[in-house]
Amino acid sequence: MVRIGTVVLNVGNARRATKFWTEALGYKVHDGVVGDETPVLVPEEGNGQAIALDETDRTHLDLHVTGEAEQRSEVERLISLGARRVAWDYPPDADFVVLADPEGNLFCVVNTAGR
């Protein structure tokens, strides 16, 4: 079953947003969760929702799964519930699939097995 792994917020200034959200929520910067240069914030005390701050991407959810088979299964399950595949320019080593919910909101199903 998919779970919300990261909430990705579109921001105009990642440095300013990082300062605000770390202080507002008591979060700290943690790299490696998303695997790119986007700042990823996590709670100081451990468990909680990760937040990625991205200047180039839309606000969306990253739903995490733990393997390729689970990713394929969940993508098909979500499509059967009304999601649709979105045409996307994927990098060669993409570990994510971009879908849209019935309202058109984008989200990703991310295979975290290689992280």
PDB file of N, CA and C in Angstrom:
ATOM      1  N   MET A   1       0.855  -1.177   0.000  1.00  0.00           N
ATOM      2  CA  MET A   1       0.000   0.000   0.000  1.00  0.00           C
ATOM      3  C   MET A   1       0.896   1.233   0.000  1.00  0.00           C
ATOM      4  N   VAL A   2       0.538   2.199  -0.828  1.00  0.00           N
ATOM      5  CA  VAL A   2       1.295   3.450  -0.870  1.00  0.00           C
ATOM      6  C   VAL A   2       1.085   4.226   0.421  1.00  0.00           C
ATOM      7  N   ARG A   3       2.069   5.064   0.731  1.00  0.00           N
ATOM      8  CA  ARG A   3       1.960   5.963   1.877  1.00  0.00           C
ATOM      9  C   ARG A   3       2.537   7.300   1.458  1.00  0.00           C
ATOM     10  N   ILE A   4       2.060   8.359   2.066  1.00  0.00           N
ATOM     11  CA  ILE A   4       2.623   9.667   1.753  1.00  0.00           C
ATOM     12  C   ILE A   4       4.036   9.695   2.301  1.00  0.00           C
ATOM     13  N   GLY A   5       4.994   9.866   1.407  1.00  0.00           N
ATOM     14  CA  GLY A   5       6.391   9.932   1.811  1.00  0.00           C
ATOM     15  C   GLY A   5       6.864  11.362   1.948  1.00  0.00           C
ATOM     16  N   THR A   6       6.463  12.197   0.994  1.00  0.00           N
ATOM     17  CA  THR A   6       6.913  13.582   0.983  1.00  0.00           C
ATOM     18  C   THR A   6       5.813  14.470   0.423  1.00  0.00           C
ATOM     19  N   VAL A   7       5.641  15.624   1.048  1.00  0.00           N
ATOM     20  CA  VAL A   7       4.811  16.681   0.489  1.00  0.00           C
ATOM     21  C   VAL A   7       5.782  17.655  -0.172  1.00  0.00           C
ATOM     22  N   VAL A   8       5.613  17.874  -1.480  1.00  0.00           N
ATOM     23  CA  VAL A   8       6.496  18.772  -2.221  1.00  0.00           C
ATOM     24  C   VAL A   8       5.773  20.107  -2.374  1.00  0.00           C
ATOM     25  N   LEU A   9       6.389  21.157  -1.858  1.00  0.00           N
ATOM     26  CA  LEU A   9       5.820  22.505  -1.957  1.00  0.00           C
ATOM     27  C   LEU A   9       6.579  23.306  -3.000  1.00  0.00           C
ATOM     28  N   ASN A  10       5.854  23.950  -3.895  1.00  0.00           N
ATOM     29  CA  ASN A  10       6.474  24.868  -4.840  1.00  0.00           C
ATOM     30  C   ASN A  10       6.761  26.162  -4.093  1.00  0.00           C
ATOM     31  N   VAL A  11       8.010  26.612  -4.157  1.00  0.00           N
ATOM     32  CA  VAL A  11       8.410  27.840  -3.472  1.00  0.00           C
ATOM     33  C   VAL A  11       9.178  28.738  -4.432  1.00  0.00           C
ATOM     34  N   GLY A  12       9.127  30.024  -4.187  1.00  0.00           N
ATOM     35  CA  GLY A  12       9.864  30.975  -5.010  1.00  0.00           C
ATOM     36  C   GLY A  12      11.311  31.108  -4.603  1.00  0.00           C
ATOM     37  N   ASN A  13      11.597  30.864  -3.331  1.00  0.00           N
ATOM     38  CA  ASN A  13      12.944  31.006  -2.812  1.00  0.00           C
ATOM     39  C   ASN A  13      13.167  29.896  -1.788  1.00  0.00           C
ATOM     40  N   ALA A  14      13.867  28.855  -2.180  1.00  0.00           N
ATOM     41  CA  ALA A  14      14.051  27.680  -1.318  1.00  0.00           C
ATOM     42  C   ALA A  14      14.792  28.018  -0.019  1.00  0.00           C
ATOM     43  N   ARG A  15      15.757  28.915  -0.090  1.00  0.00           N
ATOM     44  CA  ARG A  15      16.510  29.294   1.118  1.00  0.00           C
ATOM     45  C   ARG A  15      15.590  29.968   2.142  1.00  0.00           C
ATOM     46  N   ARG A  16      14.798  30.925   1.673  1.00  0.00           N
ATOM     47  CA  ARG A  16      13.857  31.626   2.551  1.00  0.00           C
ATOM     48  C   ARG A  16      12.809  30.659   3.100  1.00  0.00           C
ATOM     49  N   ALA A  17      12.268  29.788   2.235  1.00  0.00           N
ATOM     50  CA  ALA A  17      11.259  28.818   2.658  1.00  0.00           C
ATOM     51  C   ALA A  17      11.840  27.825   3.662  1.00  0.00           C
ATOM     52  N   THR A  18      13.082  27.408   3.456  1.00  0.00           N
ATOM     53  CA  THR A  18      13.731  26.487   4.395  1.00  0.00           C
ATOM     54  C   THR A  18      13.837  27.123   5.770  1.00  0.00           C
ATOM     55  N   LYS A  19      14.287  28.365   5.805  1.00  0.00           N
ATOM     56  CA  LYS A  19      14.403  29.070   7.093  1.00  0.00           C
ATOM     57  C   LYS A  19      13.044  29.147   7.776  1.00  0.00           C
ATOM     58  N   PHE A  20      12.012  29.538   7.024  1.00  0.00           N
ATOM     59  CA  PHE A  20      10.686  29.661   7.619  1.00  0.00           C
ATOM     60  C   PHE A  20      10.174  28.324   8.134  1.00  0.00           C
ATOM     61  N   TRP A  21      10.152  27.284   7.280  1.00  0.00           N
ATOM     62  CA  TRP A  21       9.531  26.015   7.668  1.00  0.00           C
ATOM     63  C   TRP A  21      10.313  25.265   8.738  1.00  0.00           C
ATOM     64  N   THR A  22      11.633  25.381   8.762  1.00  0.00           N
ATOM     65  CA  THR A  22      12.378  24.716   9.833  1.00  0.00           C
ATOM     66  C   THR A  22      12.055  25.365  11.180  1.00  0.00           C
ATOM     67  N   GLU A  23      11.958  26.676  11.188  1.00  0.00           N
ATOM     68  CA  GLU A  23      11.640  27.373  12.438  1.00  0.00           C
ATOM     69  C   GLU A  23      10.165  27.213  12.806  1.00  0.00           C
ATOM     70  N   ALA A  24       9.276  27.275  11.827  1.00  0.00           N
ATOM     71  CA  ALA A  24       7.839  27.178  12.110  1.00  0.00           C
ATOM     72  C   ALA A  24       7.452  25.805  12.642  1.00  0.00           C
ATOM     73  N   LEU A  25       8.074  24.753  12.099  1.00  0.00           N
ATOM     74  CA  LEU A  25       7.669  23.393  12.458  1.00  0.00           C
ATOM     75  C   LEU A  25       8.660  22.660  13.354  1.00  0.00           C
ATOM     76  N   GLY A  26       9.804  23.261  13.631  1.00  0.00           N
ATOM     77  CA  GLY A  26      10.820  22.566  14.402  1.00  0.00           C
ATOM     78  C   GLY A  26      11.447  21.436  13.588  1.00  0.00           C
ATOM     79  N   TYR A  27      11.571  21.627  12.290  1.00  0.00           N
ATOM     80  CA  TYR A  27      12.153  20.639  11.384  1.00  0.00           C
ATOM     81  C   TYR A  27      13.634  20.916  11.199  1.00  0.00           C
ATOM     82  N   LYS A  28      14.340  19.960  10.603  1.00  0.00           N
ATOM     83  CA  LYS A  28      15.742  20.132  10.233  1.00  0.00           C
ATOM     84  C   LYS A  28      15.901  19.736   8.773  1.00  0.00           C
ATOM     85  N   VAL A  29      16.966  20.212   8.157  1.00  0.00           N
ATOM     86  CA  VAL A  29      17.247  19.863   6.764  1.00  0.00           C
ATOM     87  C   VAL A  29      17.864  18.473   6.732  1.00  0.00           C
ATOM     88  N   HIS A  30      17.343  17.643   5.843  1.00  0.00           N
ATOM     89  CA  HIS A  30      17.839  16.279   5.659  1.00  0.00           C
ATOM     90  C   HIS A  30      17.973  16.041   4.167  1.00  0.00           C
ATOM     91  N   ASP A  31      19.175  15.666   3.702  1.00  0.00           N
ATOM     92  CA  ASP A  31      19.310  15.423   2.265  1.00  0.00           C
ATOM     93  C   ASP A  31      19.315  13.931   1.982  1.00  0.00           C
ATOM     94  N   GLY A  32      19.044  13.590   0.737  1.00  0.00           N
ATOM     95  CA  GLY A  32      19.047  12.200   0.309  1.00  0.00           C
ATOM     96  C   GLY A  32      17.681  11.574   0.214  1.00  0.00           C
ATOM     97  N   VAL A  33      16.648  12.191   0.800  1.00  0.00           N
ATOM     98  CA  VAL A  33      15.319  11.589   0.747  1.00  0.00           C
ATOM     99  C   VAL A  33      14.745  11.654  -0.661  1.00  0.00           C
ATOM    100  N   VAL A  34      14.848  12.798  -1.310  1.00  0.00           N
ATOM    101  CA  VAL A  34      14.318  12.951  -2.656  1.00  0.00           C
ATOM    102  C   VAL A  34      15.382  12.602  -3.693  1.00  0.00           C
ATOM    103  N   GLY A  35      16.635  12.806  -3.387  1.00  0.00           N
ATOM    104  CA  GLY A  35      17.709  12.444  -4.288  1.00  0.00           C
ATOM    105  C   GLY A  35      18.113  13.529  -5.278  1.00  0.00           C
ATOM    106  N   ASP A  36      17.725  14.763  -5.031  1.00  0.00           N
ATOM    107  CA  ASP A  36      18.165  15.850  -5.892  1.00  0.00           C
ATOM    108  C   ASP A  36      18.540  17.037  -5.014  1.00  0.00           C
ATOM    109  N   GLU A  37      18.675  18.207  -5.608  1.00  0.00           N
ATOM    110  CA  GLU A  37      19.127  19.375  -4.863  1.00  0.00           C
ATOM    111  C   GLU A  37      18.018  20.088  -4.090  1.00  0.00           C
ATOM    112  N   THR A  38      16.813  19.570  -4.149  1.00  0.00           N
ATOM    113  CA  THR A  38      15.688  20.156  -3.441  1.00  0.00           C
ATOM    114  C   THR A  38      15.860  19.960  -1.945  1.00  0.00           C
ATOM    115  N   PRO A  39      15.792  21.023  -1.131  1.00  0.00           N
ATOM    116  CA  PRO A  39      15.894  20.828   0.319  1.00  0.00           C
ATOM    117  C   PRO A  39      14.740  19.964   0.826  1.00  0.00           C
ATOM    118  N   VAL A  40      15.070  18.976   1.631  1.00  0.00           N
ATOM    119  CA  VAL A  40      14.066  18.111   2.248  1.00  0.00           C
ATOM    120  C   VAL A  40      14.139  18.343   3.747  1.00  0.00           C
ATOM    121  N   LEU A  41      12.985  18.648   4.335  1.00  0.00           N
ATOM    122  CA  LEU A  41      12.905  18.936   5.763  1.00  0.00           C
ATOM    123  C   LEU A  41      12.202  17.788   6.465  1.00  0.00           C
ATOM    124  N   VAL A  42      12.725  17.418   7.635  1.00  0.00           N
ATOM    125  CA  VAL A  42      12.125  16.356   8.441  1.00  0.00           C
ATOM    126  C   VAL A  42      12.036  16.825   9.885  1.00  0.00           C
ATOM    127  N   PRO A  43      11.124  16.259  10.666  1.00  0.00           N
ATOM    128  CA  PRO A  43      11.002  16.660  12.066  1.00  0.00           C
ATOM    129  C   PRO A  43      12.280  16.378  12.854  1.00  0.00           C
ATOM    130  N   GLU A  44      12.623  17.265  13.758  1.00  0.00           N
ATOM    131  CA  GLU A  44      13.790  17.078  14.638  1.00  0.00           C
ATOM    132  C   GLU A  44      13.667  15.796  15.446  1.00  0.00           C
ATOM    133  N   GLU A  45      12.464  15.478  15.861  1.00  0.00           N
ATOM    134  CA  GLU A  45      12.235  14.363  16.777  1.00  0.00           C
ATOM    135  C   GLU A  45      11.986  13.020  16.089  1.00  0.00           C
ATOM    136  N   GLY A  46      12.287  12.903  14.810  1.00  0.00           N
ATOM    137  CA  GLY A  46      12.142  11.601  14.162  1.00  0.00           C
ATOM    138  C   GLY A  46      10.927  11.488  13.282  1.00  0.00           C
ATOM    139  N   ASN A  47       9.954  10.683  13.685  1.00  0.00           N
ATOM    140  CA  ASN A  47       8.803  10.377  12.830  1.00  0.00           C
ATOM    141  C   ASN A  47       7.979  11.608  12.515  1.00  0.00           C
ATOM    142  N   GLY A  48       7.526  11.669  11.280  1.00  0.00           N
ATOM    143  CA  GLY A  48       6.684  12.760  10.830  1.00  0.00           C
ATOM    144  C   GLY A  48       6.799  12.925   9.335  1.00  0.00           C
ATOM    145  N   GLN A  49       6.055  13.832   8.805  1.00  0.00           N
ATOM    146  CA  GLN A  49       5.969  14.038   7.371  1.00  0.00           C
ATOM    147  C   GLN A  49       7.150  14.816   6.836  1.00  0.00           C
ATOM    148  N   ALA A  50       7.821  14.297   5.822  1.00  0.00           N
ATOM    149  CA  ALA A  50       8.894  15.027   5.153  1.00  0.00           C
ATOM    150  C   ALA A  50       8.278  16.066   4.220  1.00  0.00           C
ATOM    151  N   ILE A  51       8.959  17.200   4.096  1.00  0.00           N
ATOM    152  CA  ILE A  51       8.529  18.272   3.209  1.00  0.00           C
ATOM    153  C   ILE A  51       9.710  18.627   2.311  1.00  0.00           C
ATOM    154  N   ALA A  52       9.484  18.613   1.004  1.00  0.00           N
ATOM    155  CA  ALA A  52      10.504  19.047   0.049  1.00  0.00           C
ATOM    156  C   ALA A  52      10.115  20.426  -0.467  1.00  0.00           C
ATOM    157  N   LEU A  53      11.097  21.300  -0.611  1.00  0.00           N
ATOM    158  CA  LEU A  53      10.867  22.664  -1.087  1.00  0.00           C
ATOM    159  C   LEU A  53      11.496  22.791  -2.462  1.00  0.00           C
ATOM    160  N   ASP A  54      10.681  23.031  -3.469  1.00  0.00           N
ATOM    161  CA  ASP A  54      11.156  22.974  -4.850  1.00  0.00           C
ATOM    162  C   ASP A  54      10.776  24.244  -5.595  1.00  0.00           C
ATOM    163  N   GLU A  55      11.757  24.883  -6.195  1.00  0.00           N
ATOM    164  CA  GLU A  55      11.519  26.122  -6.931  1.00  0.00           C
ATOM    165  C   GLU A  55      11.022  25.876  -8.354  1.00  0.00           C
ATOM    166  N   THR A  56      11.114  24.647  -8.859  1.00  0.00           N
ATOM    167  CA  THR A  56      10.765  24.388 -10.253  1.00  0.00           C
ATOM    168  C   THR A  56       9.583  23.443 -10.429  1.00  0.00           C
ATOM    169  N   ASP A  57       9.166  22.758  -9.400  1.00  0.00           N
ATOM    170  CA  ASP A  57       8.104  21.763  -9.520  1.00  0.00           C
ATOM    171  C   ASP A  57       6.822  22.271  -8.884  1.00  0.00           C
ATOM    172  N   ARG A  58       5.703  21.676  -9.298  1.00  0.00           N
ATOM    173  CA  ARG A  58       4.408  22.037  -8.721  1.00  0.00           C
ATOM    174  C   ARG A  58       4.256  21.395  -7.345  1.00  0.00           C
ATOM    175  N   THR A  59       3.390  21.964  -6.530  1.00  0.00           N
ATOM    176  CA  THR A  59       3.050  21.353  -5.250  1.00  0.00           C
ATOM    177  C   THR A  59       2.362  20.029  -5.526  1.00  0.00           C
ATOM    178  N   HIS A  60       2.836  18.964  -4.863  1.00  0.00           N
ATOM    179  CA  HIS A  60       2.265  17.640  -5.079  1.00  0.00           C
ATOM    180  C   HIS A  60       2.681  16.685  -3.957  1.00  0.00           C
ATOM    181  N   LEU A  61       2.069  15.517  -3.942  1.00  0.00           N
ATOM    182  CA  LEU A  61       2.436  14.455  -3.008  1.00  0.00           C
ATOM    183  C   LEU A  61       3.356  13.464  -3.697  1.00  0.00           C
ATOM    184  N   ASP A  62       4.332  12.953  -2.968  1.00  0.00           N
ATOM    185  CA  ASP A  62       5.107  11.797  -3.395  1.00  0.00           C
ATOM    186  C   ASP A  62       4.624  10.626  -2.554  1.00  0.00           C
ATOM    187  N   LEU A  63       4.021   9.640  -3.204  1.00  0.00           N
ATOM    188  CA  LEU A  63       3.564   8.427  -2.517  1.00  0.00           C
ATOM    189  C   LEU A  63       4.660   7.389  -2.648  1.00  0.00           C
ATOM    190  N   HIS A  64       5.096   6.821  -1.521  1.00  0.00           N
ATOM    191  CA  HIS A  64       6.222   5.897  -1.516  1.00  0.00           C
ATOM    192  C   HIS A  64       5.778   4.446  -1.511  1.00  0.00           C
ATOM    193  N   VAL A  65       6.527   3.632  -2.253  1.00  0.00           N
ATOM    194  CA  VAL A  65       6.411   2.174  -2.248  1.00  0.00           C
ATOM    195  C   VAL A  65       7.826   1.629  -2.117  1.00  0.00           C
ATOM    196  N   THR A  66       7.945   0.323  -1.856  1.00  0.00           N
ATOM    197  CA  THR A  66       9.269  -0.225  -1.556  1.00  0.00           C
ATOM    198  C   THR A  66       9.785  -1.219  -2.582  1.00  0.00           C
ATOM    199  N   GLY A  67       9.354  -1.128  -3.823  1.00  0.00           N
ATOM    200  CA  GLY A  67       9.886  -2.002  -4.859  1.00  0.00           C
ATOM    201  C   GLY A  67       9.173  -1.794  -6.182  1.00  0.00           C
ATOM    202  N   GLU A  68       9.774  -2.320  -7.252  1.00  0.00           N
ATOM    203  CA  GLU A  68       9.206  -2.150  -8.591  1.00  0.00           C
ATOM    204  C   GLU A  68       7.853  -2.826  -8.738  1.00  0.00           C
ATOM    205  N   ALA A  69       7.734  -4.050  -8.215  1.00  0.00           N
ATOM    206  CA  ALA A  69       6.464  -4.780  -8.339  1.00  0.00           C
ATOM    207  C   ALA A  69       5.357  -4.041  -7.599  1.00  0.00           C
ATOM    208  N   GLU A  70       5.661  -3.543  -6.403  1.00  0.00           N
ATOM    209  CA  GLU A  70       4.662  -2.792  -5.647  1.00  0.00           C
ATOM    210  C   GLU A  70       4.305  -1.500  -6.382  1.00  0.00           C
ATOM    211  N   GLN A  71       5.291  -0.860  -6.986  1.00  0.00           N
ATOM    212  CA  GLN A  71       5.028   0.367  -7.741  1.00  0.00           C
ATOM    213  C   GLN A  71       4.070   0.083  -8.898  1.00  0.00           C
ATOM    214  N   ARG A  72       4.360  -0.950  -9.694  1.00  0.00           N
ATOM    215  CA  ARG A  72       3.473  -1.288 -10.814  1.00  0.00           C
ATOM    216  C   ARG A  72       2.067  -1.587 -10.319  1.00  0.00           C
ATOM    217  N   SER A  73       1.966  -2.379  -9.247  1.00  0.00           N
ATOM    218  CA  SER A  73       0.666  -2.754  -8.695  1.00  0.00           C
ATOM    219  C   SER A  73      -0.112  -1.543  -8.202  1.00  0.00           C
ATOM    220  N   GLU A  74       0.558  -0.654  -7.484  1.00  0.00           N
ATOM    221  CA  GLU A  74      -0.105   0.531  -6.940  1.00  0.00           C
ATOM    222  C   GLU A  74      -0.513   1.500  -8.039  1.00  0.00           C
ATOM    223  N   VAL A  75       0.324   1.653  -9.061  1.00  0.00           N
ATOM    224  CA  VAL A  75      -0.043   2.528 -10.180  1.00  0.00           C
ATOM    225  C   VAL A  75      -1.320   2.003 -10.828  1.00  0.00           C
ATOM    226  N   GLU A  76      -1.378   0.711 -11.068  1.00  0.00           N
ATOM    227  CA  GLU A  76      -2.588   0.134 -11.686  1.00  0.00           C
ATOM    228  C   GLU A  76      -3.798   0.261 -10.766  1.00  0.00           C
ATOM    229  N   ARG A  77      -3.603   0.058  -9.467  1.00  0.00           N
ATOM    230  CA  ARG A  77      -4.699   0.206  -8.502  1.00  0.00           C
ATOM    231  C   ARG A  77      -5.217   1.637  -8.494  1.00  0.00           C
ATOM    232  N   LEU A  78      -4.312   2.597  -8.484  1.00  0.00           N
ATOM    233  CA  LEU A  78      -4.703   4.011  -8.464  1.00  0.00           C
ATOM    234  C   LEU A  78      -5.418   4.397  -9.750  1.00  0.00           C
ATOM    235  N   ILE A  79      -4.970   3.860 -10.869  1.00  0.00           N
ATOM    236  CA  ILE A  79      -5.651   4.122 -12.140  1.00  0.00           C
ATOM    237  C   ILE A  79      -7.059   3.532 -12.098  1.00  0.00           C
ATOM    238  N   SER A  80      -7.206   2.362 -11.512  1.00  0.00           N
ATOM    239  CA  SER A  80      -8.545   1.759 -11.416  1.00  0.00           C
ATOM    240  C   SER A  80      -9.475   2.585 -10.525  1.00  0.00           C
ATOM    241  N   LEU A  81      -8.895   3.404  -9.643  1.00  0.00           N
ATOM    242  CA  LEU A  81      -9.692   4.268  -8.765  1.00  0.00           C
ATOM    243  C   LEU A  81     -10.013   5.613  -9.406  1.00  0.00           C
ATOM    244  N   GLY A  82      -9.455   5.874 -10.588  1.00  0.00           N
ATOM    245  CA  GLY A  82      -9.761   7.124 -11.280  1.00  0.00           C
ATOM    246  C   GLY A  82      -8.564   7.991 -11.619  1.00  0.00           C
ATOM    247  N   ALA A  83      -7.367   7.606 -11.177  1.00  0.00           N
ATOM    248  CA  ALA A  83      -6.168   8.365 -11.555  1.00  0.00           C
ATOM    249  C   ALA A  83      -5.882   8.127 -13.033  1.00  0.00           C
ATOM    250  N   ARG A  84      -5.034   8.978 -13.601  1.00  0.00           N
ATOM    251  CA  ARG A  84      -4.619   8.771 -14.989  1.00  0.00           C
ATOM    252  C   ARG A  84      -3.126   9.059 -15.099  1.00  0.00           C
ATOM    253  N   ARG A  85      -2.493   8.364 -16.056  1.00  0.00           N
ATOM    254  CA  ARG A  85      -1.078   8.612 -16.331  1.00  0.00           C
ATOM    255  C   ARG A  85      -0.921   9.988 -16.952  1.00  0.00           C
ATOM    256  N   VAL A  86       0.184  10.636 -16.648  1.00  0.00           N
ATOM    257  CA  VAL A  86       0.484  11.959 -17.177  1.00  0.00           C
ATOM    258  C   VAL A  86       1.712  11.842 -18.072  1.00  0.00           C
ATOM    259  N   ALA A  87       1.635  12.411 -19.264  1.00  0.00           N
ATOM    260  CA  ALA A  87       2.809  12.445 -20.143  1.00  0.00           C
ATOM    261  C   ALA A  87       3.901  13.242 -19.428  1.00  0.00           C
ATOM    262  N   TRP A  88       5.082  12.658 -19.311  1.00  0.00           N
ATOM    263  CA  TRP A  88       6.151  13.278 -18.546  1.00  0.00           C
ATOM    264  C   TRP A  88       7.474  12.974 -19.216  1.00  0.00           C
ATOM    265  N   ASP A  89       8.420  13.877 -19.131  1.00  0.00           N
ATOM    266  CA  ASP A  89       9.766  13.672 -19.651  1.00  0.00           C
ATOM    267  C   ASP A  89      10.602  13.044 -18.536  1.00  0.00           C
ATOM    268  N   TYR A  90      10.604  11.712 -18.482  1.00  0.00           N
ATOM    269  CA  TYR A  90      11.289  10.984 -17.412  1.00  0.00           C
ATOM    270  C   TYR A  90      12.791  10.871 -17.696  1.00  0.00           C
ATOM    271  N   PRO A  91      13.623  11.026 -16.660  1.00  0.00           N
ATOM    272  CA  PRO A  91      15.050  10.736 -16.841  1.00  0.00           C
ATOM    273  C   PRO A  91      15.236   9.220 -17.003  1.00  0.00           C
ATOM    274  N   PRO A  92      16.363   8.784 -17.571  1.00  0.00           N
ATOM    275  CA  PRO A  92      16.571   7.352 -17.818  1.00  0.00           C
ATOM    276  C   PRO A  92      16.472   6.479 -16.561  1.00  0.00           C
ATOM    277  N   ASP A  93      16.878   6.994 -15.420  1.00  0.00           N
ATOM    278  CA  ASP A  93      16.885   6.205 -14.181  1.00  0.00           C
ATOM    279  C   ASP A  93      15.719   6.565 -13.254  1.00  0.00           C
ATOM    280  N   ALA A  94      14.610   7.008 -13.826  1.00  0.00           N
ATOM    281  CA  ALA A  94      13.466   7.462 -13.025  1.00  0.00           C
ATOM    282  C   ALA A  94      12.975   6.360 -12.096  1.00  0.00           C
ATOM    283  N   ASP A  95      12.760   6.725 -10.841  1.00  0.00           N
ATOM    284  CA  ASP A  95      12.197   5.799  -9.862  1.00  0.00           C
ATOM    285  C   ASP A  95      10.774   6.223  -9.486  1.00  0.00           C
ATOM    286  N   PHE A  96      10.156   7.057 -10.318  1.00  0.00           N
ATOM    287  CA  PHE A  96       8.828   7.584 -10.033  1.00  0.00           C
ATOM    288  C   PHE A  96       7.942   7.500 -11.271  1.00  0.00           C
ATOM    289  N   VAL A  97       6.627   7.486 -11.015  1.00  0.00           N
ATOM    290  CA  VAL A  97       5.622   7.537 -12.070  1.00  0.00           C
ATOM    291  C   VAL A  97       4.703   8.703 -11.730  1.00  0.00           C
ATOM    292  N   VAL A  98       4.436   9.558 -12.707  1.00  0.00           N
ATOM    293  CA  VAL A  98       3.581  10.728 -12.482  1.00  0.00           C
ATOM    294  C   VAL A  98       2.155  10.385 -12.897  1.00  0.00           C
ATOM    295  N   LEU A  99       1.232  10.615 -11.976  1.00  0.00           N
ATOM    296  CA  LEU A  99      -0.193  10.403 -12.211  1.00  0.00           C
ATOM    297  C   LEU A  99      -0.941  11.678 -11.852  1.00  0.00           C
ATOM    298  N   ALA A 100      -2.195  11.740 -12.254  1.00  0.00           N
ATOM    299  CA  ALA A 100      -3.091  12.829 -11.847  1.00  0.00           C
ATOM    300  C   ALA A 100      -4.323  12.202 -11.217  1.00  0.00           C
ATOM    301  N   ASP A 101      -4.810  12.816 -10.146  1.00  0.00           N
ATOM    302  CA  ASP A 101      -6.044  12.329  -9.526  1.00  0.00           C
ATOM    303  C   ASP A 101      -7.238  12.753 -10.388  1.00  0.00           C
ATOM    304  N   PRO A 102      -8.448  12.334 -10.051  1.00  0.00           N
ATOM    305  CA  PRO A 102      -9.610  12.700 -10.882  1.00  0.00           C
ATOM    306  C   PRO A 102      -9.843  14.203 -11.022  1.00  0.00           C
ATOM    307  N   GLU A 103      -9.285  15.003 -10.111  1.00  0.00           N
ATOM    308  CA  GLU A 103      -9.427  16.463 -10.186  1.00  0.00           C
ATOM    309  C   GLU A 103      -8.293  17.119 -10.970  1.00  0.00           C
ATOM    310  N   GLY A 104      -7.325  16.317 -11.426  1.00  0.00           N
ATOM    311  CA  GLY A 104      -6.201  16.850 -12.194  1.00  0.00           C
ATOM    312  C   GLY A 104      -4.973  17.189 -11.375  1.00  0.00           C
ATOM    313  N   ASN A 105      -5.000  16.931 -10.058  1.00  0.00           N
ATOM    314  CA  ASN A 105      -3.839  17.198  -9.214  1.00  0.00           C
ATOM    315  C   ASN A 105      -2.771  16.136  -9.462  1.00  0.00           C
ATOM    316  N   LEU A 106      -1.551  16.586  -9.728  1.00  0.00           N
ATOM    317  CA  LEU A 106      -0.460  15.652  -9.970  1.00  0.00           C
ATOM    318  C   LEU A 106       0.039  15.045  -8.673  1.00  0.00           C
ATOM    319  N   PHE A 107       0.520  13.809  -8.768  1.00  0.00           N
ATOM    320  CA  PHE A 107       1.220  13.147  -7.676  1.00  0.00           C
ATOM    321  C   PHE A 107       2.148  12.117  -8.267  1.00  0.00           C
ATOM    322  N   CYS A 108       3.130  11.676  -7.491  1.00  0.00           N
ATOM    323  CA  CYS A 108       4.108  10.695  -7.958  1.00  0.00           C
ATOM    324  C   CYS A 108       4.027   9.442  -7.106  1.00  0.00           C
ATOM    325  N   VAL A 109       4.237   8.302  -7.739  1.00  0.00           N
ATOM    326  CA  VAL A 109       4.407   7.049  -7.027  1.00  0.00           C
ATOM    327  C   VAL A 109       5.885   6.726  -7.147  1.00  0.00           C
ATOM    328  N   VAL A 110       6.609   6.778  -6.014  1.00  0.00           N
ATOM    329  CA  VAL A 110       8.059   6.695  -5.987  1.00  0.00           C
ATOM    330  C   VAL A 110       8.501   5.365  -5.406  1.00  0.00           C
ATOM    331  N   ASN A 111       9.364   4.664  -6.142  1.00  0.00           N
ATOM    332  CA  ASN A 111       9.978   3.428  -5.659  1.00  0.00           C
ATOM    333  C   ASN A 111      11.197   3.815  -4.830  1.00  0.00           C
ATOM    334  N   THR A 112      11.132   3.625  -3.521  1.00  0.00           N
ATOM    335  CA  THR A 112      12.215   4.030  -2.626  1.00  0.00           C
ATOM    336  C   THR A 112      13.209   2.903  -2.348  1.00  0.00           C
ATOM    337  N   ALA A 113      13.075   1.773  -3.021  1.00  0.00           N
ATOM    338  CA  ALA A 113      13.939   0.616  -2.744  1.00  0.00           C
ATOM    339  C   ALA A 113      15.408   0.919  -2.951  1.00  0.00           C
ATOM    340  N   GLY A 114      15.761   1.760  -3.911  1.00  0.00           N
ATOM    341  CA  GLY A 114      17.155   2.052  -4.190  1.00  0.00           C
ATOM    342  C   GLY A 114      17.739   3.204  -3.397  1.00  0.00           C
ATOM    343  N   ARG A 115      17.012   3.733  -2.452  1.00  0.00           N
ATOM    344  CA  ARG A 115      17.474   4.903  -1.690  1.00  0.00           C
ATOM    345  C   ARG A 115      18.056   4.510  -0.360  1.00  0.00           C
TER     346      ARG A 115
END
